[in-house]
Amino acid sequence: MTELELMRKKIDEIDEKLLVLFKERLEVSKQIGILKKKYKMNIFDPEREKQIISEATEHMPDNERKYTESFLHNLMDISKEVQSE
């Protein structure tokens, strides 16, 4: 196996783990959506999103921060969509 193939295999393994966690997150997001509807709460909580991104990127170098912010924004957008269903 070439070095490139080994690295791709590692990425595939990481992706598998991410997808398991993503599925779990979707399920929890559905439950949160049900609770927010029950208690007539807004789906979008800008302060919470800002806090999550701030804490996640606080100690990251600038060249990684923008990717992490993008990832988290996309993840939260999907969660809001699931909560709205």
Protein backbone atom coordinates (compact mmCIF):
# COMPACT_ATOMS: atom_id res chain seq x y z
CA MET A 1 0.00 0.00 0.00
CA THR A 2 1.38 3.42 -0.92
CA GLU A 3 1.72 6.27 1.52
CA LEU A 4 -1.19 8.03 -0.18
CA GLU A 5 -3.39 4.94 0.11
CA LEU A 6 -2.53 4.64 3.79
CA MET A 7 -3.47 8.25 4.42
CA ARG A 8 -6.73 7.82 2.51
CA LYS A 9 -7.51 4.74 4.57
CA LYS A 10 -6.96 6.79 7.71
CA ILE A 11 -9.34 9.48 6.40
CA ASP A 12 -11.94 6.78 5.66
CA GLU A 13 -11.66 5.52 9.25
CA ILE A 14 -12.06 9.02 10.62
CA ASP A 15 -15.07 9.63 8.37
CA GLU A 16 -16.72 6.45 9.69
CA LYS A 17 -16.34 7.72 13.25
CA LEU A 18 -17.61 11.16 12.30
CA LEU A 19 -20.70 9.68 10.65
CA VAL A 20 -21.56 7.65 13.74
CA LEU A 21 -21.33 10.79 15.87
CA PHE A 22 -23.22 12.82 13.27
CA LYS A 23 -26.12 10.34 13.32
CA GLU A 24 -26.18 10.53 17.11
CA ARG A 25 -26.18 14.32 16.91
CA LEU A 26 -29.10 14.29 14.49
CA GLU A 27 -31.13 12.17 16.91
CA VAL A 28 -30.39 14.50 19.81
CA SER A 29 -31.22 17.50 17.60
CA LYS A 30 -34.63 15.98 16.84
CA GLN A 31 -35.29 15.61 20.56
CA ILE A 32 -34.18 19.19 21.20
CA GLY A 33 -36.52 20.37 18.44
CA ILE A 34 -39.43 18.60 20.11
CA LEU A 35 -38.61 20.26 23.44
CA LYS A 36 -38.21 23.69 21.86
CA LYS A 37 -41.63 23.36 20.20
CA LYS A 38 -43.19 22.11 23.43
CA TYR A 39 -41.88 25.11 25.35
CA LYS A 40 -42.43 27.53 22.44
CA MET A 41 -38.74 28.37 22.16
CA ASN A 42 -36.96 29.70 19.09
CA ILE A 43 -34.99 27.17 17.09
CA PHE A 44 -32.19 29.65 16.49
CA ASP A 45 -30.21 30.76 19.54
CA PRO A 46 -27.51 33.10 18.21
CA GLU A 47 -25.84 33.55 21.59
CA ARG A 48 -25.42 29.80 22.05
CA GLU A 49 -23.99 29.40 18.55
CA LYS A 50 -21.58 32.25 19.13
CA GLN A 51 -20.48 30.70 22.44
CA ILE A 52 -19.96 27.24 20.91
CA ILE A 53 -17.84 28.60 18.07
CA SER A 54 -15.88 30.86 20.36
CA GLU A 55 -15.04 28.05 22.79
CA ALA A 56 -14.18 25.60 20.00
CA THR A 57 -11.81 27.99 18.25
CA GLU A 58 -10.37 29.85 21.22
CA HIS A 59 -6.96 28.17 21.20
CA MET A 60 -6.71 27.30 17.53
CA PRO A 61 -4.22 28.81 15.14
CA ASP A 62 -5.77 31.20 12.63
CA ASN A 63 -5.21 28.88 9.69
CA GLU A 64 -7.41 26.20 11.35
CA ARG A 65 -9.98 28.52 12.91
CA LYS A 66 -11.77 29.41 9.68
CA TYR A 67 -12.26 25.73 8.78
CA THR A 68 -13.56 24.89 12.23
CA GLU A 69 -15.95 27.84 12.15
CA SER A 70 -17.23 26.75 8.75
CA PHE A 71 -17.66 23.15 9.92
CA LEU A 72 -19.55 24.20 13.04
CA HIS A 73 -21.77 26.66 11.16
CA ASN A 74 -22.72 23.91 8.70
CA LEU A 75 -23.34 21.45 11.51
CA MET A 76 -25.54 23.91 13.39
CA ASP A 77 -27.46 24.81 10.22
CA ILE A 78 -28.27 21.14 9.72
CA SER A 79 -29.30 20.82 13.36
CA LYS A 80 -31.63 23.82 13.06
CA GLU A 81 -33.19 22.28 9.96
CA VAL A 82 -33.75 18.99 11.80
CA GLN A 83 -35.19 20.82 14.80
CA SER A 84 -37.62 22.69 12.55
CA GLU A 85 -39.09 19.51 11.04
